[in-house]
PDB file of all heavy atoms in Angstrom:
ATOM      1  N   ILE A   1      -3.161 -11.592   2.929  1.00  0.00           N
ATOM      2  CA  ILE A   1      -3.340 -10.807   4.157  1.00  0.00           C
ATOM      3  C   ILE A   1      -4.012 -11.652   5.252  1.00  0.00           C
ATOM      4  O   ILE A   1      -4.884 -12.471   4.975  1.00  0.00           O
ATOM      5  CB  ILE A   1      -4.151  -9.522   3.852  1.00  0.00           C
ATOM      6  CG1 ILE A   1      -4.271  -8.663   5.097  1.00  0.00           C
ATOM      7  CG2 ILE A   1      -5.506  -9.848   3.257  1.00  0.00           C
ATOM      8  CD1 ILE A   1      -4.799  -7.261   4.801  1.00  0.00           C
ATOM      9  N   SER A   2      -3.554 -11.398   6.476  1.00  0.00           N
ATOM     10  CA  SER A   2      -4.141 -12.032   7.641  1.00  0.00           C
ATOM     11  C   SER A   2      -4.153 -11.035   8.785  1.00  0.00           C
ATOM     12  O   SER A   2      -3.523  -9.970   8.713  1.00  0.00           O
ATOM     13  CB  SER A   2      -3.320 -13.271   8.045  1.00  0.00           C
ATOM     14  OG  SER A   2      -3.899 -13.909   9.155  1.00  0.00           O
ATOM     15  N   ALA A   3      -4.889 -11.351   9.807  1.00  0.00           N
ATOM     16  CA  ALA A   3      -4.929 -10.475  10.983  1.00  0.00           C
ATOM     17  C   ALA A   3      -5.256 -11.292  12.212  1.00  0.00           C
ATOM     18  O   ALA A   3      -6.000 -12.287  12.155  1.00  0.00           O
ATOM     19  CB  ALA A   3      -5.960  -9.357  10.827  1.00  0.00           C
ATOM     20  N   LEU A   4      -4.669 -10.910  13.299  1.00  0.00           N
ATOM     21  CA  LEU A   4      -5.140 -11.341  14.625  1.00  0.00           C
ATOM     22  C   LEU A   4      -6.146 -10.250  15.016  1.00  0.00           C
ATOM     23  O   LEU A   4      -5.792  -9.189  15.505  1.00  0.00           O
ATOM     24  CB  LEU A   4      -3.970 -11.451  15.594  1.00  0.00           C
ATOM     25  CG  LEU A   4      -2.944 -12.514  15.200  1.00  0.00           C
ATOM     26  CD1 LEU A   4      -1.723 -12.462  16.110  1.00  0.00           C
ATOM     27  CD2 LEU A   4      -3.557 -13.907  15.237  1.00  0.00           C
ATOM     28  N   GLY A   5      -7.396 -10.547  14.773  1.00  0.00           N
ATOM     29  CA  GLY A   5      -8.461  -9.561  14.796  1.00  0.00           C
ATOM     30  C   GLY A   5      -9.138  -9.578  13.439  1.00  0.00           C
ATOM     31  O   GLY A   5      -9.254 -10.616  12.796  1.00  0.00           O
ATOM     32  N   LEU A   6      -9.557  -8.426  12.948  1.00  0.00           N
ATOM     33  CA  LEU A   6     -10.216  -8.294  11.661  1.00  0.00           C
ATOM     34  C   LEU A   6      -9.487  -7.276  10.805  1.00  0.00           C
ATOM     35  O   LEU A   6      -8.921  -6.318  11.349  1.00  0.00           O
ATOM     36  CB  LEU A   6     -11.664  -7.833  11.858  1.00  0.00           C
ATOM     37  CG  LEU A   6     -12.534  -8.660  12.817  1.00  0.00           C
ATOM     38  CD1 LEU A   6     -13.889  -7.971  13.027  1.00  0.00           C
ATOM     39  CD2 LEU A   6     -12.688 -10.087  12.344  1.00  0.00           C
ATOM     40  N   TYR A   7      -9.486  -7.466   9.503  1.00  0.00           N
ATOM     41  CA  TYR A   7      -8.830  -6.496   8.619  1.00  0.00           C
ATOM     42  C   TYR A   7      -9.842  -5.974   7.594  1.00  0.00           C
ATOM     43  O   TYR A   7     -10.801  -6.644   7.227  1.00  0.00           O
ATOM     44  CB  TYR A   7      -7.634  -7.093   7.910  1.00  0.00           C
ATOM     45  CG  TYR A   7      -7.940  -8.217   6.949  1.00  0.00           C
ATOM     46  CD1 TYR A   7      -8.506  -7.984   5.690  1.00  0.00           C
ATOM     47  CD2 TYR A   7      -7.644  -9.534   7.285  1.00  0.00           C
ATOM     48  CE1 TYR A   7      -8.786  -9.023   4.811  1.00  0.00           C
ATOM     49  CE2 TYR A   7      -7.915 -10.592   6.410  1.00  0.00           C
ATOM     50  CZ  TYR A   7      -8.475 -10.329   5.180  1.00  0.00           C
ATOM     51  OH  TYR A   7      -8.759 -11.342   4.307  1.00  0.00           O
ATOM     52  N   ASP A   8      -9.561  -4.771   7.105  1.00  0.00           N
ATOM     53  CA  ASP A   8     -10.266  -4.175   5.980  1.00  0.00           C
ATOM     54  C   ASP A   8      -9.201  -3.426   5.181  1.00  0.00           C
ATOM     55  O   ASP A   8      -8.615  -2.470   5.681  1.00  0.00           O
ATOM     56  CB  ASP A   8     -11.372  -3.232   6.439  1.00  0.00           C
ATOM     57  CG  ASP A   8     -12.453  -3.051   5.379  1.00  0.00           C
ATOM     58  OD1 ASP A   8     -12.269  -3.522   4.261  1.00  0.00           O
ATOM     59  OD2 ASP A   8     -13.486  -2.421   5.701  1.00  0.00           O
ATOM     60  N   ALA A   9      -8.940  -3.885   3.953  1.00  0.00           N
ATOM     61  CA  ALA A   9      -7.809  -3.385   3.190  1.00  0.00           C
ATOM     62  C   ALA A   9      -8.259  -2.507   2.019  1.00  0.00           C
ATOM     63  O   ALA A   9      -9.318  -2.745   1.403  1.00  0.00           O
ATOM     64  CB  ALA A   9      -6.961  -4.558   2.670  1.00  0.00           C
ATOM     65  N   GLU A  10      -7.419  -1.529   1.686  1.00  0.00           N
ATOM     66  CA  GLU A  10      -7.666  -0.622   0.560  1.00  0.00           C
ATOM     67  C   GLU A  10      -6.386  -0.453  -0.244  1.00  0.00           C
ATOM     68  O   GLU A  10      -5.272  -0.534   0.291  1.00  0.00           O
ATOM     69  CB  GLU A  10      -8.140   0.748   1.069  1.00  0.00           C
ATOM     70  CG  GLU A  10      -9.371   0.712   1.930  1.00  0.00           C
ATOM     71  CD  GLU A  10      -9.793   2.084   2.438  1.00  0.00           C
ATOM     72  OE1 GLU A  10      -9.179   3.101   2.013  1.00  0.00           O
ATOM     73  OE2 GLU A  10     -10.727   2.154   3.259  1.00  0.00           O
ATOM     74  N   LEU A  11      -6.521  -0.237  -1.536  1.00  0.00           N
ATOM     75  CA  LEU A  11      -5.428   0.115  -2.420  1.00  0.00           C
ATOM     76  C   LEU A  11      -5.784   1.394  -3.150  1.00  0.00           C
ATOM     77  O   LEU A  11      -6.808   1.484  -3.807  1.00  0.00           O
ATOM     78  CB  LEU A  11      -5.175  -0.996  -3.464  1.00  0.00           C
ATOM     79  CG  LEU A  11      -4.234  -2.149  -3.116  1.00  0.00           C
ATOM     80  CD1 LEU A  11      -2.828  -1.649  -2.817  1.00  0.00           C
ATOM     81  CD2 LEU A  11      -4.781  -3.011  -1.998  1.00  0.00           C
ATOM     82  N   ASN A  12      -4.942   2.424  -2.957  1.00  0.00           N
ATOM     83  CA  ASN A  12      -5.152   3.707  -3.632  1.00  0.00           C
ATOM     84  C   ASN A  12      -6.568   4.245  -3.431  1.00  0.00           C
ATOM     85  O   ASN A  12      -7.210   4.760  -4.349  1.00  0.00           O
ATOM     86  CB  ASN A  12      -4.844   3.586  -5.109  1.00  0.00           C
ATOM     87  CG  ASN A  12      -3.340   3.312  -5.354  1.00  0.00           C
ATOM     88  OD1 ASN A  12      -2.486   3.691  -4.561  1.00  0.00           O
ATOM     89  ND2 ASN A  12      -3.041   2.635  -6.465  1.00  0.00           N
ATOM     90  N   GLY A  13      -7.067   4.083  -2.205  1.00  0.00           N
ATOM     91  CA  GLY A  13      -8.359   4.659  -1.851  1.00  0.00           C
ATOM     92  C   GLY A  13      -9.561   3.799  -2.217  1.00  0.00           C
ATOM     93  O   GLY A  13     -10.709   4.220  -1.997  1.00  0.00           O
ATOM     94  N   LYS A  14      -9.343   2.619  -2.790  1.00  0.00           N
ATOM     95  CA  LYS A  14     -10.442   1.756  -3.193  1.00  0.00           C
ATOM     96  C   LYS A  14     -10.376   0.431  -2.418  1.00  0.00           C
ATOM     97  O   LYS A  14      -9.293  -0.053  -2.110  1.00  0.00           O
ATOM     98  CB  LYS A  14     -10.406   1.503  -4.713  1.00  0.00           C
ATOM     99  CG  LYS A  14     -10.580   2.759  -5.524  1.00  0.00           C
ATOM    100  CD  LYS A  14     -10.550   2.457  -7.023  1.00  0.00           C
ATOM    101  CE  LYS A  14     -10.752   3.714  -7.842  1.00  0.00           C
ATOM    102  NZ  LYS A  14     -10.719   3.446  -9.312  1.00  0.00           N
ATOM    103  N   ALA A  15     -11.545  -0.142  -2.153  1.00  0.00           N
ATOM    104  CA  ALA A  15     -11.610  -1.386  -1.401  1.00  0.00           C
ATOM    105  C   ALA A  15     -10.879  -2.492  -2.135  1.00  0.00           C
ATOM    106  O   ALA A  15     -11.040  -2.676  -3.348  1.00  0.00           O
ATOM    107  CB  ALA A  15     -13.072  -1.794  -1.151  1.00  0.00           C
ATOM    108  N   ALA A  16     -10.093  -3.270  -1.401  1.00  0.00           N
ATOM    109  CA  ALA A  16      -9.340  -4.366  -1.989  1.00  0.00           C
ATOM    110  C   ALA A  16     -10.138  -5.664  -2.034  1.00  0.00           C
ATOM    111  O   ALA A  16      -9.717  -6.633  -2.661  1.00  0.00           O
ATOM    112  CB  ALA A  16      -8.036  -4.592  -1.196  1.00  0.00           C
ATOM    113  N   HIS A  17     -11.287  -5.695  -1.367  1.00  0.00           N
ATOM    114  CA  HIS A  17     -12.086  -6.919  -1.279  1.00  0.00           C
ATOM    115  C   HIS A  17     -13.486  -6.583  -0.831  1.00  0.00           C
ATOM    116  O   HIS A  17     -13.744  -5.464  -0.345  1.00  0.00           O
ATOM    117  CB  HIS A  17     -11.446  -7.919  -0.309  1.00  0.00           C
ATOM    118  CG  HIS A  17     -11.219  -7.337   1.066  1.00  0.00           C
ATOM    119  ND1 HIS A  17     -12.190  -7.338   2.050  1.00  0.00           N
ATOM    120  CD2 HIS A  17     -10.148  -6.689   1.607  1.00  0.00           C
ATOM    121  CE1 HIS A  17     -11.709  -6.742   3.140  1.00  0.00           C
ATOM    122  NE2 HIS A  17     -10.481  -6.332   2.897  1.00  0.00           N
ATOM    123  N   GLU A  18     -14.382  -7.530  -0.938  1.00  0.00           N
ATOM    124  CA  GLU A  18     -15.770  -7.387  -0.494  1.00  0.00           C
ATOM    125  C   GLU A  18     -16.027  -8.093   0.831  1.00  0.00           C
ATOM    126  O   GLU A  18     -17.139  -8.041   1.364  1.00  0.00           O
ATOM    127  CB  GLU A  18     -16.728  -7.924  -1.540  1.00  0.00           C
ATOM    128  CG  GLU A  18     -16.673  -7.182  -2.862  1.00  0.00           C
ATOM    129  CD  GLU A  18     -17.634  -7.762  -3.890  1.00  0.00           C
ATOM    130  OE1 GLU A  18     -18.284  -8.772  -3.585  1.00  0.00           O
ATOM    131  OE2 GLU A  18     -17.723  -7.215  -5.005  1.00  0.00           O
ATOM    132  N   ASP A  19     -15.028  -8.749   1.380  1.00  0.00           N
ATOM    133  CA  ASP A  19     -15.206  -9.538   2.597  1.00  0.00           C
ATOM    134  C   ASP A  19     -15.408  -8.635   3.808  1.00  0.00           C
ATOM    135  O   ASP A  19     -14.920  -7.498   3.847  1.00  0.00           O
ATOM    136  CB  ASP A  19     -13.963 -10.408   2.851  1.00  0.00           C
ATOM    137  CG  ASP A  19     -13.674 -11.347   1.715  1.00  0.00           C
ATOM    138  OD1 ASP A  19     -14.479 -11.432   0.765  1.00  0.00           O
ATOM    139  OD2 ASP A  19     -12.611 -11.990   1.735  1.00  0.00           O
ATOM    140  N   THR A  20     -16.112  -9.166   4.788  1.00  0.00           N
ATOM    141  CA  THR A  20     -16.227  -8.490   6.088  1.00  0.00           C
ATOM    142  C   THR A  20     -15.948  -9.503   7.172  1.00  0.00           C
ATOM    143  O   THR A  20     -16.092 -10.727   6.978  1.00  0.00           O
ATOM    144  CB  THR A  20     -17.630  -7.856   6.243  1.00  0.00           C
ATOM    145  OG1 THR A  20     -17.651  -7.065   7.419  1.00  0.00           O
ATOM    146  CG2 THR A  20     -18.720  -8.911   6.314  1.00  0.00           C
ATOM    147  N   PHE A  21     -15.466  -9.037   8.292  1.00  0.00           N
ATOM    148  CA  PHE A  21     -15.062  -9.904   9.444  1.00  0.00           C
ATOM    149  C   PHE A  21     -13.990 -10.904   9.023  1.00  0.00           C
ATOM    150  O   PHE A  21     -13.929 -12.003   9.558  1.00  0.00           O
ATOM    151  CB  PHE A  21     -16.272 -10.606  10.040  1.00  0.00           C
ATOM    152  CG  PHE A  21     -17.406  -9.680  10.384  1.00  0.00           C
ATOM    153  CD1 PHE A  21     -18.688  -9.939   9.970  1.00  0.00           C
ATOM    154  CD2 PHE A  21     -17.171  -8.539  11.090  1.00  0.00           C
ATOM    155  CE1 PHE A  21     -19.744  -9.091  10.255  1.00  0.00           C
ATOM    156  CE2 PHE A  21     -18.202  -7.649  11.404  1.00  0.00           C
ATOM    157  CZ  PHE A  21     -19.485  -7.940  10.973  1.00  0.00           C
ATOM    158  N   ALA A  22     -13.157 -10.546   8.062  1.00  0.00           N
ATOM    159  CA  ALA A  22     -12.061 -11.397   7.640  1.00  0.00           C
ATOM    160  C   ALA A  22     -10.859 -11.199   8.583  1.00  0.00           C
ATOM    161  O   ALA A  22     -10.651 -10.108   9.106  1.00  0.00           O
ATOM    162  CB  ALA A  22     -11.659 -11.066   6.206  1.00  0.00           C
ATOM    163  N   PRO A  23     -10.091 -12.276   8.815  1.00  0.00           N
ATOM    164  CA  PRO A  23     -10.142 -13.579   8.156  1.00  0.00           C
ATOM    165  C   PRO A  23     -11.011 -14.628   8.840  1.00  0.00           C
ATOM    166  O   PRO A  23     -10.985 -15.773   8.434  1.00  0.00           O
ATOM    167  CB  PRO A  23      -8.669 -14.021   8.212  1.00  0.00           C
ATOM    168  CG  PRO A  23      -8.189 -13.475   9.525  1.00  0.00           C
ATOM    169  CD  PRO A  23      -8.875 -12.145   9.679  1.00  0.00           C
ATOM    170  N   GLY A  24     -11.794 -14.239   9.853  1.00  0.00           N
ATOM    171  CA  GLY A  24     -12.646 -15.195  10.564  1.00  0.00           C
ATOM    172  C   GLY A  24     -12.033 -15.645  11.897  1.00  0.00           C
ATOM    173  O   GLY A  24     -10.886 -15.363  12.203  1.00  0.00           O
ATOM    174  N   TRP A  25     -12.872 -16.324  12.664  1.00  0.00           N
ATOM    175  CA  TRP A  25     -12.484 -16.728  14.022  1.00  0.00           C
ATOM    176  C   TRP A  25     -11.835 -18.102  13.999  1.00  0.00           C
ATOM    177  O   TRP A  25     -12.352 -19.059  13.399  1.00  0.00           O
ATOM    178  CB  TRP A  25     -13.731 -16.744  14.903  1.00  0.00           C
ATOM    179  CG  TRP A  25     -13.471 -17.018  16.363  1.00  0.00           C
ATOM    180  CD1 TRP A  25     -12.283 -17.037  17.018  1.00  0.00           C
ATOM    181  CD2 TRP A  25     -14.454 -17.329  17.353  1.00  0.00           C
ATOM    182  NE1 TRP A  25     -12.452 -17.305  18.344  1.00  0.00           N
ATOM    183  CE2 TRP A  25     -13.773 -17.483  18.581  1.00  0.00           C
ATOM    184  CE3 TRP A  25     -15.849 -17.479  17.318  1.00  0.00           C
ATOM    185  CZ2 TRP A  25     -14.463 -17.791  19.767  1.00  0.00           C
ATOM    186  CZ3 TRP A  25     -16.517 -17.756  18.506  1.00  0.00           C
ATOM    187  CH2 TRP A  25     -15.822 -17.928  19.707  1.00  0.00           C
ATOM    188  N   THR A  26     -10.679 -18.227  14.623  1.00  0.00           N
ATOM    189  CA  THR A  26     -10.037 -19.500  14.859  1.00  0.00           C
ATOM    190  C   THR A  26      -9.543 -19.514  16.287  1.00  0.00           C
ATOM    191  O   THR A  26      -9.586 -18.485  16.977  1.00  0.00           O
ATOM    192  CB  THR A  26      -8.820 -19.696  13.922  1.00  0.00           C
ATOM    193  OG1 THR A  26      -7.984 -18.539  13.988  1.00  0.00           O
ATOM    194  CG2 THR A  26      -9.280 -19.854  12.474  1.00  0.00           C
ATOM    195  N   ASP A  27      -9.040 -20.648  16.750  1.00  0.00           N
ATOM    196  CA  ASP A  27      -8.343 -20.707  18.025  1.00  0.00           C
ATOM    197  C   ASP A  27      -6.947 -20.136  17.764  1.00  0.00           C
ATOM    198  O   ASP A  27      -6.065 -20.829  17.271  1.00  0.00           O
ATOM    199  CB  ASP A  27      -8.256 -22.130  18.556  1.00  0.00           C
ATOM    200  CG  ASP A  27      -7.625 -22.184  19.956  1.00  0.00           C
ATOM    201  OD1 ASP A  27      -6.997 -21.193  20.375  1.00  0.00           O
ATOM    202  OD2 ASP A  27      -7.793 -23.244  20.612  1.00  0.00           O
ATOM    203  N   TYR A  28      -6.770 -18.864  18.065  1.00  0.00           N
ATOM    204  CA  TYR A  28      -5.540 -18.171  17.700  1.00  0.00           C
ATOM    205  C   TYR A  28      -4.303 -18.723  18.408  1.00  0.00           C
ATOM    206  O   TYR A  28      -3.192 -18.408  18.010  1.00  0.00           O
ATOM    207  CB  TYR A  28      -5.679 -16.657  17.979  1.00  0.00           C
ATOM    208  CG  TYR A  28      -6.824 -16.004  17.259  1.00  0.00           C
ATOM    209  CD1 TYR A  28      -8.009 -15.691  17.924  1.00  0.00           C
ATOM    210  CD2 TYR A  28      -6.736 -15.710  15.907  1.00  0.00           C
ATOM    211  CE1 TYR A  28      -9.059 -15.089  17.249  1.00  0.00           C
ATOM    212  CE2 TYR A  28      -7.773 -15.097  15.222  1.00  0.00           C
ATOM    213  CZ  TYR A  28      -8.934 -14.806  15.902  1.00  0.00           C
ATOM    214  OH  TYR A  28      -9.980 -14.216  15.242  1.00  0.00           O
ATOM    215  N   ARG A  29      -4.494 -19.511  19.422  1.00  0.00           N
ATOM    216  CA  ARG A  29      -3.355 -20.151  20.074  1.00  0.00           C
ATOM    217  C   ARG A  29      -2.753 -21.226  19.185  1.00  0.00           C
ATOM    218  O   ARG A  29      -1.617 -21.645  19.375  1.00  0.00           O
ATOM    219  CB  ARG A  29      -3.779 -20.736  21.402  1.00  0.00           C
ATOM    220  CG  ARG A  29      -4.223 -19.682  22.423  1.00  0.00           C
ATOM    221  CD  ARG A  29      -4.958 -20.280  23.586  1.00  0.00           C
ATOM    222  NE  ARG A  29      -6.240 -20.851  23.161  1.00  0.00           N
ATOM    223  CZ  ARG A  29      -7.211 -21.217  24.000  1.00  0.00           C
ATOM    224  NH1 ARG A  29      -7.035 -21.027  25.287  1.00  0.00           N
ATOM    225  NH2 ARG A  29      -8.334 -21.719  23.543  1.00  0.00           N
ATOM    226  N   LYS A  30      -3.551 -21.678  18.191  1.00  0.00           N
ATOM    227  CA  LYS A  30      -3.087 -22.734  17.305  1.00  0.00           C
ATOM    228  C   LYS A  30      -2.985 -22.320  15.845  1.00  0.00           C
ATOM    229  O   LYS A  30      -2.076 -22.771  15.143  1.00  0.00           O
ATOM    230  CB  LYS A  30      -4.076 -23.929  17.400  1.00  0.00           C
ATOM    231  CG  LYS A  30      -4.181 -24.529  18.794  1.00  0.00           C
ATOM    232  CD  LYS A  30      -5.191 -25.671  18.791  1.00  0.00           C
ATOM    233  CE  LYS A  30      -5.319 -26.304  20.183  1.00  0.00           C
ATOM    234  NZ  LYS A  30      -6.313 -27.406  20.172  1.00  0.00           N
ATOM    235  N   ARG A  31      -3.898 -21.468  15.379  1.00  0.00           N
ATOM    236  CA  ARG A  31      -3.976 -21.244  13.933  1.00  0.00           C
ATOM    237  C   ARG A  31      -4.651 -19.896  13.639  1.00  0.00           C
ATOM    238  O   ARG A  31      -5.512 -19.452  14.385  1.00  0.00           O
ATOM    239  CB  ARG A  31      -4.806 -22.348  13.299  1.00  0.00           C
ATOM    240  CG  ARG A  31      -4.905 -22.306  11.781  1.00  0.00           C
ATOM    241  CD  ARG A  31      -5.716 -23.496  11.260  1.00  0.00           C
ATOM    242  NE  ARG A  31      -5.209 -24.759  11.756  1.00  0.00           N
ATOM    243  CZ  ARG A  31      -4.217 -25.418  11.209  1.00  0.00           C
ATOM    244  NH1 ARG A  31      -3.640 -24.939  10.132  1.00  0.00           N
ATOM    245  NH2 ARG A  31      -3.807 -26.557  11.737  1.00  0.00           N
ATOM    246  N   VAL A  32      -4.234 -19.291  12.540  1.00  0.00           N
ATOM    247  CA  VAL A  32      -4.905 -18.110  12.006  1.00  0.00           C
ATOM    248  C   VAL A  32      -4.992 -18.274  10.493  1.00  0.00           C
ATOM    249  O   VAL A  32      -4.128 -18.903   9.873  1.00  0.00           O
ATOM    250  CB  VAL A  32      -4.172 -16.802  12.371  1.00  0.00           C
ATOM    251  CG1 VAL A  32      -2.811 -16.712  11.721  1.00  0.00           C
ATOM    252  CG2 VAL A  32      -5.018 -15.580  12.033  1.00  0.00           C
ATOM    253  N   GLN A  33      -6.036 -17.720   9.896  1.00  0.00           N
ATOM    254  CA  GLN A  33      -6.265 -17.903   8.458  1.00  0.00           C
ATOM    255  C   GLN A  33      -5.782 -16.655   7.677  1.00  0.00           C
ATOM    256  O   GLN A  33      -5.640 -15.593   8.253  1.00  0.00           O
ATOM    257  CB  GLN A  33      -7.747 -18.135   8.181  1.00  0.00           C
ATOM    258  CG  GLN A  33      -8.304 -19.365   8.879  1.00  0.00           C
ATOM    259  CD  GLN A  33      -9.810 -19.480   8.751  1.00  0.00           C
ATOM    260  OE1 GLN A  33     -10.483 -18.568   8.274  1.00  0.00           O
ATOM    261  NE2 GLN A  33     -10.356 -20.607   9.201  1.00  0.00           N
TER     262      GLN A  33
END
């Protein structure tokens, strides 16, 4: 999963990850994580 912005994902009502502010800041004109 990636986002231009930030994502928070769930599967069947449960958190899919513990990360916050994912995927992080990059120069979106060149790259996204």
